[in-house]
PDB file of N, CA and C in Angstrom:
ATOM      1  N   MET A   1       9.289  -7.768   3.146  1.00  0.00           N
ATOM      2  CA  MET A   1      10.112  -7.330   4.246  1.00  0.00           C
ATOM      3  C   MET A   1       9.346  -6.306   5.065  1.00  0.00           C
ATOM      4  N   ASP A   2       9.655  -6.243   6.349  1.00  0.00           N
ATOM      5  CA  ASP A   2       9.044  -5.228   7.199  1.00  0.00           C
ATOM      6  C   ASP A   2       9.733  -3.886   6.973  1.00  0.00           C
ATOM      7  N   ILE A   3       8.949  -2.830   7.005  1.00  0.00           N
ATOM      8  CA  ILE A   3       9.441  -1.462   6.879  1.00  0.00           C
ATOM      9  C   ILE A   3       9.234  -0.768   8.218  1.00  0.00           C
ATOM     10  N   ARG A   4      10.266  -0.098   8.691  1.00  0.00           N
ATOM     11  CA  ARG A   4      10.228   0.556  10.003  1.00  0.00           C
ATOM     12  C   ARG A   4      10.188   2.083   9.875  1.00  0.00           C
ATOM     13  N   ALA A   5       9.570   2.702  10.869  1.00  0.00           N
ATOM     14  CA  ALA A   5       9.530   4.161  10.951  1.00  0.00           C
ATOM     15  C   ALA A   5      10.920   4.684  11.295  1.00  0.00           C
ATOM     16  N   PHE A   6      11.288   5.805  10.696  1.00  0.00           N
ATOM     17  CA  PHE A   6      12.557   6.477  10.963  1.00  0.00           C
ATOM     18  C   PHE A   6      12.210   7.889  11.429  1.00  0.00           C
ATOM     19  N   LEU A   7      12.062   8.047  12.753  1.00  0.00           N
ATOM     20  CA  LEU A   7      11.533   9.281  13.339  1.00  0.00           C
ATOM     21  C   LEU A   7      12.450   9.827  14.422  1.00  0.00           C
ATOM     22  N   GLU A   8      12.521  11.149  14.513  1.00  0.00           N
ATOM     23  CA  GLU A   8      13.231  11.774  15.620  1.00  0.00           C
ATOM     24  C   GLU A   8      12.368  11.767  16.882  1.00  0.00           C
ATOM     25  N   GLN A   9      11.048  11.845  16.696  1.00  0.00           N
ATOM     26  CA  GLN A   9      10.109  11.776  17.819  1.00  0.00           C
ATOM     27  C   GLN A   9       8.840  11.083  17.344  1.00  0.00           C
ATOM     28  N   GLY A  10       8.061  10.580  18.278  1.00  0.00           N
ATOM     29  CA  GLY A  10       6.837   9.871  17.945  1.00  0.00           C
ATOM     30  C   GLY A  10       5.831  10.741  17.207  1.00  0.00           C
ATOM     31  N   VAL A  11       4.988  10.083  16.426  1.00  0.00           N
ATOM     32  CA  VAL A  11       3.922  10.767  15.693  1.00  0.00           C
ATOM     33  C   VAL A  11       2.600  10.150  16.127  1.00  0.00           C
ATOM     34  N   CYS A  12       1.730  10.966  16.735  1.00  0.00           N
ATOM     35  CA  CYS A  12       0.419  10.492  17.158  1.00  0.00           C
ATOM     36  C   CYS A  12      -0.566  10.669  15.999  1.00  0.00           C
ATOM     37  N   ILE A  13      -1.267   9.588  15.667  1.00  0.00           N
ATOM     38  CA  ILE A  13      -2.255   9.612  14.590  1.00  0.00           C
ATOM     39  C   ILE A  13      -3.636   9.538  15.232  1.00  0.00           C
ATOM     40  N   SER A  14      -4.397  10.597  15.088  1.00  0.00           N
ATOM     41  CA  SER A  14      -5.767  10.636  15.622  1.00  0.00           C
ATOM     42  C   SER A  14      -6.688   9.800  14.731  1.00  0.00           C
ATOM     43  N   PRO A  15      -7.845   9.370  15.244  1.00  0.00           N
ATOM     44  CA  PRO A  15      -8.800   8.640  14.401  1.00  0.00           C
ATOM     45  C   PRO A  15      -9.131   9.420  13.129  1.00  0.00           C
ATOM     46  N   LEU A  16      -9.101   8.733  12.019  1.00  0.00           N
ATOM     47  CA  LEU A  16      -9.359   9.241  10.663  1.00  0.00           C
ATOM     48  C   LEU A  16      -8.283  10.200  10.148  1.00  0.00           C
ATOM     49  N   GLU A  17      -7.206  10.388  10.878  1.00  0.00           N
ATOM     50  CA  GLU A  17      -6.107  11.246  10.416  1.00  0.00           C
ATOM     51  C   GLU A  17      -5.169  10.449   9.507  1.00  0.00           C
ATOM     52  N   ARG A  18      -4.626  11.161   8.502  1.00  0.00           N
ATOM     53  CA  ARG A  18      -3.644  10.595   7.575  1.00  0.00           C
ATOM     54  C   ARG A  18      -2.294  11.237   7.852  1.00  0.00           C
ATOM     55  N   VAL A  19      -1.227  10.431   7.814  1.00  0.00           N
ATOM     56  CA  VAL A  19       0.127  10.952   8.013  1.00  0.00           C
ATOM     57  C   VAL A  19       1.086  10.254   7.046  1.00  0.00           C
ATOM     58  N   ARG A  20       2.194  10.936   6.771  1.00  0.00           N
ATOM     59  CA  ARG A  20       3.284  10.329   6.012  1.00  0.00           C
ATOM     60  C   ARG A  20       4.422  10.075   6.982  1.00  0.00           C
ATOM     61  N   ILE A  21       4.848   8.834   7.062  1.00  0.00           N
ATOM     62  CA  ILE A  21       5.894   8.439   7.999  1.00  0.00           C
ATOM     63  C   ILE A  21       7.175   8.137   7.218  1.00  0.00           C
ATOM     64  N   PRO A  22       8.269   8.839   7.515  1.00  0.00           N
ATOM     65  CA  PRO A  22       9.526   8.545   6.829  1.00  0.00           C
ATOM     66  C   PRO A  22      10.103   7.196   7.265  1.00  0.00           C
ATOM     67  N   THR A  23      10.852   6.588   6.363  1.00  0.00           N
ATOM     68  CA  THR A  23      11.481   5.294   6.644  1.00  0.00           C
ATOM     69  C   THR A  23      13.003   5.372   6.657  1.00  0.00           C
ATOM     70  N   GLY A  24      13.559   6.474   6.139  1.00  0.00           N
ATOM     71  CA  GLY A  24      15.010   6.579   6.040  1.00  0.00           C
ATOM     72  C   GLY A  24      15.582   5.780   4.882  1.00  0.00           C
ATOM     73  N   LEU A  25      14.719   5.243   4.031  1.00  0.00           N
ATOM     74  CA  LEU A  25      15.170   4.401   2.911  1.00  0.00           C
ATOM     75  C   LEU A  25      15.071   5.124   1.581  1.00  0.00           C
ATOM     76  N   ILE A  26      16.089   4.935   0.781  1.00  0.00           N
ATOM     77  CA  ILE A  26      16.075   5.311  -0.627  1.00  0.00           C
ATOM     78  C   ILE A  26      16.665   4.104  -1.347  1.00  0.00           C
ATOM     79  N   PHE A  27      15.972   3.602  -2.345  1.00  0.00           N
ATOM     80  CA  PHE A  27      16.496   2.438  -3.054  1.00  0.00           C
ATOM     81  C   PHE A  27      16.156   2.516  -4.525  1.00  0.00           C
ATOM     82  N   GLU A  28      16.803   1.663  -5.295  1.00  0.00           N
ATOM     83  CA  GLU A  28      16.594   1.623  -6.738  1.00  0.00           C
ATOM     84  C   GLU A  28      16.043   0.248  -7.095  1.00  0.00           C
ATOM     85  N   ILE A  29      14.857   0.249  -7.675  1.00  0.00           N
ATOM     86  CA  ILE A  29      14.191  -0.992  -8.075  1.00  0.00           C
ATOM     87  C   ILE A  29      14.551  -1.270  -9.535  1.00  0.00           C
ATOM     88  N   PRO A  30      14.968  -2.480  -9.857  1.00  0.00           N
ATOM     89  CA  PRO A  30      15.352  -2.781 -11.236  1.00  0.00           C
ATOM     90  C   PRO A  30      14.183  -2.622 -12.204  1.00  0.00           C
ATOM     91  N   PRO A  31      14.467  -2.224 -13.447  1.00  0.00           N
ATOM     92  CA  PRO A  31      13.403  -2.165 -14.460  1.00  0.00           C
ATOM     93  C   PRO A  31      12.698  -3.517 -14.556  1.00  0.00           C
ATOM     94  N   GLY A  32      11.399  -3.470 -14.774  1.00  0.00           N
ATOM     95  CA  GLY A  32      10.616  -4.702 -14.843  1.00  0.00           C
ATOM     96  C   GLY A  32      10.078  -5.164 -13.500  1.00  0.00           C
ATOM     97  N   TYR A  33      10.352  -4.389 -12.434  1.00  0.00           N
ATOM     98  CA  TYR A  33       9.873  -4.724 -11.092  1.00  0.00           C
ATOM     99  C   TYR A  33       9.217  -3.510 -10.468  1.00  0.00           C
ATOM    100  N   GLU A  34       8.457  -3.751  -9.426  1.00  0.00           N
ATOM    101  CA  GLU A  34       7.859  -2.692  -8.617  1.00  0.00           C
ATOM    102  C   GLU A  34       7.969  -3.104  -7.160  1.00  0.00           C
ATOM    103  N   ALA A  35       7.825  -2.139  -6.268  1.00  0.00           N
ATOM    104  CA  ALA A  35       7.692  -2.434  -4.841  1.00  0.00           C
ATOM    105  C   ALA A  35       6.239  -2.169  -4.473  1.00  0.00           C
ATOM    106  N   GLN A  36       5.643  -3.091  -3.749  1.00  0.00           N
ATOM    107  CA  GLN A  36       4.261  -2.956  -3.294  1.00  0.00           C
ATOM    108  C   GLN A  36       4.282  -2.742  -1.780  1.00  0.00           C
ATOM    109  N   VAL A  37       3.695  -1.637  -1.340  1.00  0.00           N
ATOM    110  CA  VAL A  37       3.615  -1.317   0.089  1.00  0.00           C
ATOM    111  C   VAL A  37       2.278  -1.832   0.606  1.00  0.00           C
ATOM    112  N   ARG A  38       2.350  -2.648   1.640  1.00  0.00           N
ATOM    113  CA  ARG A  38       1.138  -3.273   2.190  1.00  0.00           C
ATOM    114  C   ARG A  38       1.034  -3.047   3.699  1.00  0.00           C
ATOM    115  N   PRO A  39      -0.191  -3.094   4.226  1.00  0.00           N
ATOM    116  CA  PRO A  39      -0.371  -2.927   5.676  1.00  0.00           C
ATOM    117  C   PRO A  39       0.193  -4.117   6.449  1.00  0.00           C
ATOM    118  N   ARG A  40       0.429  -3.888   7.719  1.00  0.00           N
ATOM    119  CA  ARG A  40       0.771  -4.973   8.635  1.00  0.00           C
ATOM    120  C   ARG A  40      -0.525  -5.407   9.315  1.00  0.00           C
ATOM    121  N   SER A  41      -0.801  -6.682   9.291  1.00  0.00           N
ATOM    122  CA  SER A  41      -2.082  -7.180   9.799  1.00  0.00           C
ATOM    123  C   SER A  41      -2.282  -6.897  11.283  1.00  0.00           C
ATOM    124  N   GLY A  42      -1.229  -6.971  12.079  1.00  0.00           N
ATOM    125  CA  GLY A  42      -1.363  -6.717  13.514  1.00  0.00           C
ATOM    126  C   GLY A  42      -1.762  -5.283  13.814  1.00  0.00           C
ATOM    127  N   LEU A  43      -1.134  -4.325  13.129  1.00  0.00           N
ATOM    128  CA  LEU A  43      -1.512  -2.920  13.328  1.00  0.00           C
ATOM    129  C   LEU A  43      -2.950  -2.678  12.891  1.00  0.00           C
ATOM    130  N   ALA A  44      -3.320  -3.283  11.780  1.00  0.00           N
ATOM    131  CA  ALA A  44      -4.681  -3.088  11.267  1.00  0.00           C
ATOM    132  C   ALA A  44      -5.710  -3.690  12.225  1.00  0.00           C
ATOM    133  N   TRP A  45      -5.470  -4.907  12.676  1.00  0.00           N
ATOM    134  CA  TRP A  45      -6.448  -5.590  13.527  1.00  0.00           C
ATOM    135  C   TRP A  45      -6.545  -4.972  14.921  1.00  0.00           C
ATOM    136  N   ARG A  46      -5.387  -4.730  15.543  1.00  0.00           N
ATOM    137  CA  ARG A  46      -5.393  -4.259  16.934  1.00  0.00           C
ATOM    138  C   ARG A  46      -5.676  -2.765  17.082  1.00  0.00           C
ATOM    139  N   HIS A  47      -5.255  -1.959  16.075  1.00  0.00           N
ATOM    140  CA  HIS A  47      -5.329  -0.511  16.254  1.00  0.00           C
ATOM    141  C   HIS A  47      -6.025   0.235  15.115  1.00  0.00           C
ATOM    142  N   GLY A  48      -6.368  -0.441  14.038  1.00  0.00           N
ATOM    143  CA  GLY A  48      -7.015   0.220  12.905  1.00  0.00           C
ATOM    144  C   GLY A  48      -6.056   1.032  12.055  1.00  0.00           C
ATOM    145  N   ILE A  49      -4.740   0.799  12.195  1.00  0.00           N
ATOM    146  CA  ILE A  49      -3.733   1.526  11.421  1.00  0.00           C
ATOM    147  C   ILE A  49      -3.464   0.750  10.137  1.00  0.00           C
ATOM    148  N   THR A  50      -3.626   1.420   8.999  1.00  0.00           N
ATOM    149  CA  THR A  50      -3.422   0.743   7.719  1.00  0.00           C
ATOM    150  C   THR A  50      -2.749   1.685   6.729  1.00  0.00           C
ATOM    151  N   VAL A  51      -2.259   1.119   5.647  1.00  0.00           N
ATOM    152  CA  VAL A  51      -1.659   1.903   4.572  1.00  0.00           C
ATOM    153  C   VAL A  51      -2.794   2.519   3.759  1.00  0.00           C
ATOM    154  N   LEU A  52      -2.728   3.817   3.547  1.00  0.00           N
ATOM    155  CA  LEU A  52      -3.835   4.550   2.938  1.00  0.00           C
ATOM    156  C   LEU A  52      -4.169   4.075   1.533  1.00  0.00           C
ATOM    157  N   ASN A  53      -3.197   3.849   0.709  1.00  0.00           N
ATOM    158  CA  ASN A  53      -3.469   3.461  -0.679  1.00  0.00           C
ATOM    159  C   ASN A  53      -3.027   2.031  -0.945  1.00  0.00           C
ATOM    160  N   ALA A  54      -3.367   1.130  -0.051  1.00  0.00           N
ATOM    161  CA  ALA A  54      -2.886  -0.245  -0.123  1.00  0.00           C
ATOM    162  C   ALA A  54      -3.512  -1.029  -1.276  1.00  0.00           C
ATOM    163  N   PRO A  55      -2.726  -1.801  -2.014  1.00  0.00           N
ATOM    164  CA  PRO A  55      -1.265  -1.723  -1.944  1.00  0.00           C
ATOM    165  C   PRO A  55      -0.752  -0.530  -2.731  1.00  0.00           C
ATOM    166  N   GLY A  56       0.173   0.178  -2.138  1.00  0.00           N
ATOM    167  CA  GLY A  56       0.828   1.294  -2.826  1.00  0.00           C
ATOM    168  C   GLY A  56       1.901   0.752  -3.749  1.00  0.00           C
ATOM    169  N   THR A  57       2.095   1.392  -4.867  1.00  0.00           N
ATOM    170  CA  THR A  57       3.091   0.961  -5.843  1.00  0.00           C
ATOM    171  C   THR A  57       4.222   1.966  -5.919  1.00  0.00           C
ATOM    172  N   ILE A  58       5.460   1.456  -5.878  1.00  0.00           N
ATOM    173  CA  ILE A  58       6.643   2.271  -6.108  1.00  0.00           C
ATOM    174  C   ILE A  58       7.246   1.778  -7.416  1.00  0.00           C
ATOM    175  N   ASP A  59       7.255   2.645  -8.412  1.00  0.00           N
ATOM    176  CA  ASP A  59       7.759   2.278  -9.733  1.00  0.00           C
ATOM    177  C   ASP A  59       9.283   2.209  -9.745  1.00  0.00           C
ATOM    178  N   SER A  60       9.816   1.506 -10.741  1.00  0.00           N
ATOM    179  CA  SER A  60      11.270   1.316 -10.827  1.00  0.00           C
ATOM    180  C   SER A  60      12.027   2.601 -11.130  1.00  0.00           C
ATOM    181  N   ASP A  61      11.369   3.622 -11.639  1.00  0.00           N
ATOM    182  CA  ASP A  61      12.078   4.864 -11.932  1.00  0.00           C
ATOM    183  C   ASP A  61      12.005   5.885 -10.791  1.00  0.00           C
ATOM    184  N   TYR A  62      11.384   5.529  -9.667  1.00  0.00           N
ATOM    185  CA  TYR A  62      11.316   6.446  -8.517  1.00  0.00           C
ATOM    186  C   TYR A  62      12.647   6.429  -7.779  1.00  0.00           C
ATOM    187  N   ARG A  63      13.152   7.605  -7.422  1.00  0.00           N
ATOM    188  CA  ARG A  63      14.439   7.702  -6.736  1.00  0.00           C
ATOM    189  C   ARG A  63      14.373   8.492  -5.436  1.00  0.00           C
ATOM    190  N   GLY A  64      13.202   8.835  -4.972  1.00  0.00           N
ATOM    191  CA  GLY A  64      13.084   9.633  -3.755  1.00  0.00           C
ATOM    192  C   GLY A  64      13.062   8.787  -2.499  1.00  0.00           C
ATOM    193  N   ALA A  65      12.940   9.478  -1.384  1.00  0.00           N
ATOM    194  CA  ALA A  65      12.852   8.813  -0.085  1.00  0.00           C
ATOM    195  C   ALA A  65      11.512   8.090   0.038  1.00  0.00           C
ATOM    196  N   LEU A  66      11.529   6.950   0.688  1.00  0.00           N
ATOM    197  CA  LEU A  66      10.308   6.172   0.902  1.00  0.00           C
ATOM    198  C   LEU A  66       9.593   6.668   2.147  1.00  0.00           C
ATOM    199  N   GLU A  67       8.368   7.147   1.959  1.00  0.00           N
ATOM    200  CA  GLU A  67       7.493   7.498   3.066  1.00  0.00           C
ATOM    201  C   GLU A  67       6.255   6.619   2.957  1.00  0.00           C
ATOM    202  N   ILE A  68       5.709   6.240   4.092  1.00  0.00           N
ATOM    203  CA  ILE A  68       4.526   5.385   4.127  1.00  0.00           C
ATOM    204  C   ILE A  68       3.334   6.231   4.551  1.00  0.00           C
ATOM    205  N   MET A  69       2.276   6.211   3.735  1.00  0.00           N
ATOM    206  CA  MET A  69       1.047   6.941   4.073  1.00  0.00           C
ATOM    207  C   MET A  69       0.173   6.033   4.940  1.00  0.00           C
ATOM    208  N   LEU A  70      -0.014   6.427   6.180  1.00  0.00           N
ATOM    209  CA  LEU A  70      -0.839   5.659   7.110  1.00  0.00           C
ATOM    210  C   LEU A  70      -2.110   6.428   7.428  1.00  0.00           C
ATOM    211  N   ILE A  71      -3.154   5.682   7.767  1.00  0.00           N
ATOM    212  CA  ILE A  71      -4.397   6.263   8.250  1.00  0.00           C
ATOM    213  C   ILE A  71      -4.841   5.474   9.475  1.00  0.00           C
ATOM    214  N   ASN A  72      -5.427   6.181  10.414  1.00  0.00           N
ATOM    215  CA  ASN A  72      -5.953   5.547  11.619  1.00  0.00           C
ATOM    216  C   ASN A  72      -7.461   5.370  11.445  1.00  0.00           C
ATOM    217  N   LEU A  73      -7.880   4.149  11.183  1.00  0.00           N
ATOM    218  CA  LEU A  73      -9.305   3.842  11.067  1.00  0.00           C
ATOM    219  C   LEU A  73      -9.879   3.339  12.383  1.00  0.00           C
ATOM    220  N   GLY A  74      -9.067   3.375  13.424  1.00  0.00           N
ATOM    221  CA  GLY A  74      -9.519   2.960  14.747  1.00  0.00           C
ATOM    222  C   GLY A  74     -10.240   4.082  15.466  1.00  0.00           C
ATOM    223  N   SER A  75     -10.637   3.806  16.698  1.00  0.00           N
ATOM    224  CA  SER A  75     -11.392   4.788  17.480  1.00  0.00           C
ATOM    225  C   SER A  75     -10.531   5.530  18.498  1.00  0.00           C
ATOM    226  N   GLU A  76      -9.262   5.154  18.620  1.00  0.00           N
ATOM    227  CA  GLU A  76      -8.354   5.774  19.590  1.00  0.00           C
ATOM    228  C   GLU A  76      -7.119   6.323  18.881  1.00  0.00           C
ATOM    229  N   PRO A  77      -6.518   7.392  19.407  1.00  0.00           N
ATOM    230  CA  PRO A  77      -5.240   7.864  18.860  1.00  0.00           C
ATOM    231  C   PRO A  77      -4.190   6.765  19.004  1.00  0.00           C
ATOM    232  N   PHE A  78      -3.240   6.746  18.078  1.00  0.00           N
ATOM    233  CA  PHE A  78      -2.174   5.750  18.102  1.00  0.00           C
ATOM    234  C   PHE A  78      -0.857   6.432  17.766  1.00  0.00           C
ATOM    235  N   THR A  79       0.183   6.126  18.535  1.00  0.00           N
ATOM    236  CA  THR A  79       1.480   6.758  18.331  1.00  0.00           C
ATOM    237  C   THR A  79       2.443   5.801  17.641  1.00  0.00           C
ATOM    238  N   ILE A  80       3.050   6.288  16.554  1.00  0.00           N
ATOM    239  CA  ILE A  80       4.118   5.578  15.856  1.00  0.00           C
ATOM    240  C   ILE A  80       5.432   6.100  16.415  1.00  0.00           C
ATOM    241  N   ARG A  81       6.319   5.180  16.804  1.00  0.00           N
ATOM    242  CA  ARG A  81       7.614   5.561  17.369  1.00  0.00           C
ATOM    243  C   ARG A  81       8.748   5.104  16.452  1.00  0.00           C
ATOM    244  N   ASN A  82       9.900   5.714  16.607  1.00  0.00           N
ATOM    245  CA  ASN A  82      11.062   5.335  15.815  1.00  0.00           C
ATOM    246  C   ASN A  82      11.317   3.834  15.935  1.00  0.00           C
ATOM    247  N   GLY A  83      11.508   3.202  14.791  1.00  0.00           N
ATOM    248  CA  GLY A  83      11.803   1.769  14.765  1.00  0.00           C
ATOM    249  C   GLY A  83      10.591   0.870  14.706  1.00  0.00           C
ATOM    250  N   ASP A  84       9.386   1.416  14.892  1.00  0.00           N
ATOM    251  CA  ASP A  84       8.173   0.594  14.806  1.00  0.00           C
ATOM    252  C   ASP A  84       8.030   0.031  13.391  1.00  0.00           C
ATOM    253  N   ARG A  85       7.604  -1.201  13.308  1.00  0.00           N
ATOM    254  CA  ARG A  85       7.289  -1.800  12.012  1.00  0.00           C
ATOM    255  C   ARG A  85       5.923  -1.267  11.582  1.00  0.00           C
ATOM    256  N   ILE A  86       5.890  -0.560  10.444  1.00  0.00           N
ATOM    257  CA  ILE A  86       4.673   0.147  10.049  1.00  0.00           C
ATOM    258  C   ILE A  86       4.046  -0.365   8.762  1.00  0.00           C
ATOM    259  N   ALA A  87       4.786  -1.149   7.988  1.00  0.00           N
ATOM    260  CA  ALA A  87       4.263  -1.639   6.707  1.00  0.00           C
ATOM    261  C   ALA A  87       5.110  -2.816   6.256  1.00  0.00           C
ATOM    262  N   GLN A  88       4.686  -3.444   5.187  1.00  0.00           N
ATOM    263  CA  GLN A  88       5.455  -4.504   4.553  1.00  0.00           C
ATOM    264  C   GLN A  88       5.722  -4.108   3.108  1.00  0.00           C
ATOM    265  N   LEU A  89       6.832  -4.574   2.575  1.00  0.00           N
ATOM    266  CA  LEU A  89       7.219  -4.251   1.209  1.00  0.00           C
ATOM    267  C   LEU A  89       7.476  -5.541   0.456  1.00  0.00           C
ATOM    268  N   VAL A  90       6.868  -5.657  -0.715  1.00  0.00           N
ATOM    269  CA  VAL A  90       7.050  -6.821  -1.580  1.00  0.00           C
ATOM    270  C   VAL A  90       7.615  -6.324  -2.903  1.00  0.00           C
ATOM    271  N   ILE A  91       8.710  -6.914  -3.349  1.00  0.00           N
ATOM    272  CA  ILE A  91       9.260  -6.613  -4.671  1.00  0.00           C
ATOM    273  C   ILE A  91       8.698  -7.664  -5.624  1.00  0.00           C
ATOM    274  N   ALA A  92       8.067  -7.204  -6.714  1.00  0.00           N
ATOM    275  CA  ALA A  92       7.380  -8.123  -7.621  1.00  0.00           C
ATOM    276  C   ALA A  92       7.621  -7.725  -9.078  1.00  0.00           C
ATOM    277  N   PRO A  93       7.626  -8.719  -9.970  1.00  0.00           N
ATOM    278  CA  PRO A  93       7.751  -8.402 -11.396  1.00  0.00           C
ATOM    279  C   PRO A  93       6.490  -7.706 -11.899  1.00  0.00           C
ATOM    280  N   VAL A  94       6.677  -6.866 -12.898  1.00  0.00           N
ATOM    281  CA  VAL A  94       5.563  -6.132 -13.503  1.00  0.00           C
ATOM    282  C   VAL A  94       5.314  -6.691 -14.892  1.00  0.00           C
ATOM    283  N   SER A  95       4.064  -7.003 -15.170  1.00  0.00           N
ATOM    284  CA  SER A  95       3.672  -7.418 -16.519  1.00  0.00           C
ATOM    285  C   SER A  95       3.129  -6.204 -17.246  1.00  0.00           C
ATOM    286  N   ARG A  96       3.593  -5.990 -18.448  1.00  0.00           N
ATOM    287  CA  ARG A  96       3.114  -4.871 -19.259  1.00  0.00           C
ATOM    288  C   ARG A  96       2.086  -5.392 -20.244  1.00  0.00           C
ATOM    289  N   ALA A  97       0.909  -4.818 -20.207  1.00  0.00           N
ATOM    290  CA  ALA A  97      -0.167  -5.221 -21.109  1.00  0.00           C
ATOM    291  C   ALA A  97      -0.126  -4.363 -22.364  1.00  0.00           C
ATOM    292  N   VAL A  98      -0.499  -4.963 -23.460  1.00  0.00           N
ATOM    293  CA  VAL A  98      -0.661  -4.224 -24.704  1.00  0.00           C
ATOM    294  C   VAL A  98      -2.160  -4.164 -24.977  1.00  0.00           C
ATOM    295  N   LEU A  99      -2.709  -2.951 -24.962  1.00  0.00           N
ATOM    296  CA  LEU A  99      -4.142  -2.786 -25.163  1.00  0.00           C
ATOM    297  C   LEU A  99      -4.464  -2.797 -26.648  1.00  0.00           C
ATOM    298  N   LYS A 100      -5.594  -3.396 -26.955  1.00  0.00           N
ATOM    299  CA  LYS A 100      -6.034  -3.488 -28.342  1.00  0.00           C
ATOM    300  C   LYS A 100      -7.475  -3.015 -28.411  1.00  0.00           C
ATOM    301  N   GLU A 101      -7.735  -2.026 -29.237  1.00  0.00           N
ATOM    302  CA  GLU A 101      -9.091  -1.523 -29.405  1.00  0.00           C
ATOM    303  C   GLU A 101      -9.896  -2.533 -30.214  1.00  0.00           C
ATOM    304  N   THR A 102     -11.145  -2.771 -29.758  1.00  0.00           N
ATOM    305  CA  THR A 102     -11.997  -3.744 -30.431  1.00  0.00           C
ATOM    306  C   THR A 102     -13.452  -3.307 -30.322  1.00  0.00           C
ATOM    307  N   ASP A 103     -14.286  -3.867 -31.172  1.00  0.00           N
ATOM    308  CA  ASP A 103     -15.723  -3.568 -31.134  1.00  0.00           C
ATOM    309  C   ASP A 103     -16.498  -4.608 -30.335  1.00  0.00           C
ATOM    310  N   SER A 104     -15.841  -5.707 -29.938  1.00  0.00           N
ATOM    311  CA  SER A 104     -16.542  -6.756 -29.200  1.00  0.00           C
ATOM    312  C   SER A 104     -15.566  -7.486 -28.285  1.00  0.00           C
ATOM    313  N   VAL A 105     -16.124  -8.160 -27.290  1.00  0.00           N
ATOM    314  CA  VAL A 105     -15.335  -8.986 -26.371  1.00  0.00           C
ATOM    315  C   VAL A 105     -15.942 -10.379 -26.339  1.00  0.00           C
ATOM    316  N   SER A 106     -15.159 -11.351 -25.876  1.00  0.00           N
ATOM    317  CA  SER A 106     -15.661 -12.720 -25.825  1.00  0.00           C
ATOM    318  C   SER A 106     -16.719 -12.865 -24.730  1.00  0.00           C
ATOM    319  N   VAL A 107     -17.526 -13.891 -24.823  1.00  0.00           N
ATOM    320  CA  VAL A 107     -18.604 -14.173 -23.871  1.00  0.00           C
ATOM    321  C   VAL A 107     -18.015 -14.929 -22.677  1.00  0.00           C
ATOM    322  N   SER A 108     -18.510 -14.616 -21.469  1.00  0.00           N
ATOM    323  CA  SER A 108     -18.109 -15.354 -20.268  1.00  0.00           C
ATOM    324  C   SER A 108     -19.362 -15.747 -19.490  1.00  0.00           C
ATOM    325  N   ILE A 109     -19.199 -16.646 -18.532  1.00  0.00           N
ATOM    326  CA  ILE A 109     -20.331 -17.073 -17.705  1.00  0.00           C
ATOM    327  C   ILE A 109     -20.893 -15.886 -16.921  1.00  0.00           C
ATOM    328  N   ARG A 110     -20.035 -15.032 -16.422  1.00  0.00           N
ATOM    329  CA  ARG A 110     -20.466 -13.871 -15.635  1.00  0.00           C
ATOM    330  C   ARG A 110     -21.133 -12.824 -16.503  1.00  0.00           C
ATOM    331  N   GLY A 111     -20.654 -12.656 -17.709  1.00  0.00           N
ATOM    332  CA  GLY A 111     -21.255 -11.670 -18.594  1.00  0.00           C
ATOM    333  C   GLY A 111     -20.927 -10.257 -18.180  1.00  0.00           C
ATOM    334  N   THR A 112     -21.898  -9.348 -18.306  1.00  0.00           N
ATOM    335  CA  THR A 112     -21.667  -7.931 -18.039  1.00  0.00           C
ATOM    336  C   THR A 112     -22.045  -7.518 -16.620  1.00  0.00           C
ATOM    337  N   GLY A 113     -22.352  -8.508 -15.754  1.00  0.00           N
ATOM    338  CA  GLY A 113     -22.744  -8.196 -14.387  1.00  0.00           C
ATOM    339  C   GLY A 113     -21.685  -7.408 -13.663  1.00  0.00           C
ATOM    340  N   GLY A 114     -22.089  -6.487 -12.843  1.00  0.00           N
ATOM    341  CA  GLY A 114     -21.170  -5.632 -12.103  1.00  0.00           C
ATOM    342  C   GLY A 114     -20.910  -6.157 -10.707  1.00  0.00           C
ATOM    343  N   PHE A 115     -20.737  -5.245  -9.756  1.00  0.00           N
ATOM    344  CA  PHE A 115     -20.434  -5.616  -8.370  1.00  0.00           C
ATOM    345  C   PHE A 115     -21.495  -6.571  -7.823  1.00  0.00           C
ATOM    346  N   GLY A 116     -21.043  -7.649  -7.213  1.00  0.00           N
ATOM    347  CA  GLY A 116     -21.948  -8.606  -6.590  1.00  0.00           C
ATOM    348  C   GLY A 116     -22.656  -9.548  -7.556  1.00  0.00           C
ATOM    349  N   SER A 117     -22.263  -9.518  -8.812  1.00  0.00           N
ATOM    350  CA  SER A 117     -22.986 -10.330  -9.807  1.00  0.00           C
ATOM    351  C   SER A 117     -22.571 -11.801  -9.836  1.00  0.00           C
ATOM    352  N   THR A 118     -21.567 -12.171  -9.033  1.00  0.00           N
ATOM    353  CA  THR A 118     -21.144 -13.578  -9.027  1.00  0.00           C
ATOM    354  C   THR A 118     -22.042 -14.438  -8.153  1.00  0.00           C
ATOM    355  N   GLY A 119     -22.935 -13.814  -7.393  1.00  0.00           N
ATOM    356  CA  GLY A 119     -23.853 -14.577  -6.537  1.00  0.00           C
ATOM    357  C   GLY A 119     -23.253 -14.960  -5.200  1.00  0.00           C
ATOM    358  N   VAL A 120     -22.075 -14.468  -4.886  1.00  0.00           N
ATOM    359  CA  VAL A 120     -21.434 -14.813  -3.616  1.00  0.00           C
ATOM    360  C   VAL A 120     -21.648 -13.678  -2.637  1.00  0.00           C
TER     361      VAL A 120
END
């Protein structure tokens, strides 16, 4: 779903500036789910405005107001106005992993190669 800014007045974001934009939303996410905050592609492409910690995670036990952390990676100041669509929100199930300590791991084609080791 699209998330909109809830502002009394516009907020100008200078290049490389970070801001928190209120949404006016408070909600309760069911246990076993999370909300993922993602950038809007149009804002990112046209203006360099993106979600700072994308994707941001909102846990099911959070009960505060939803604010979106935006950053301007563009070269020009950009103003967010009340009602502007500033992010997208996805509600998704959460898988809980059980970690197991071990002395070895299975072999894979990639092996222990790090960044860029897939050859692509």
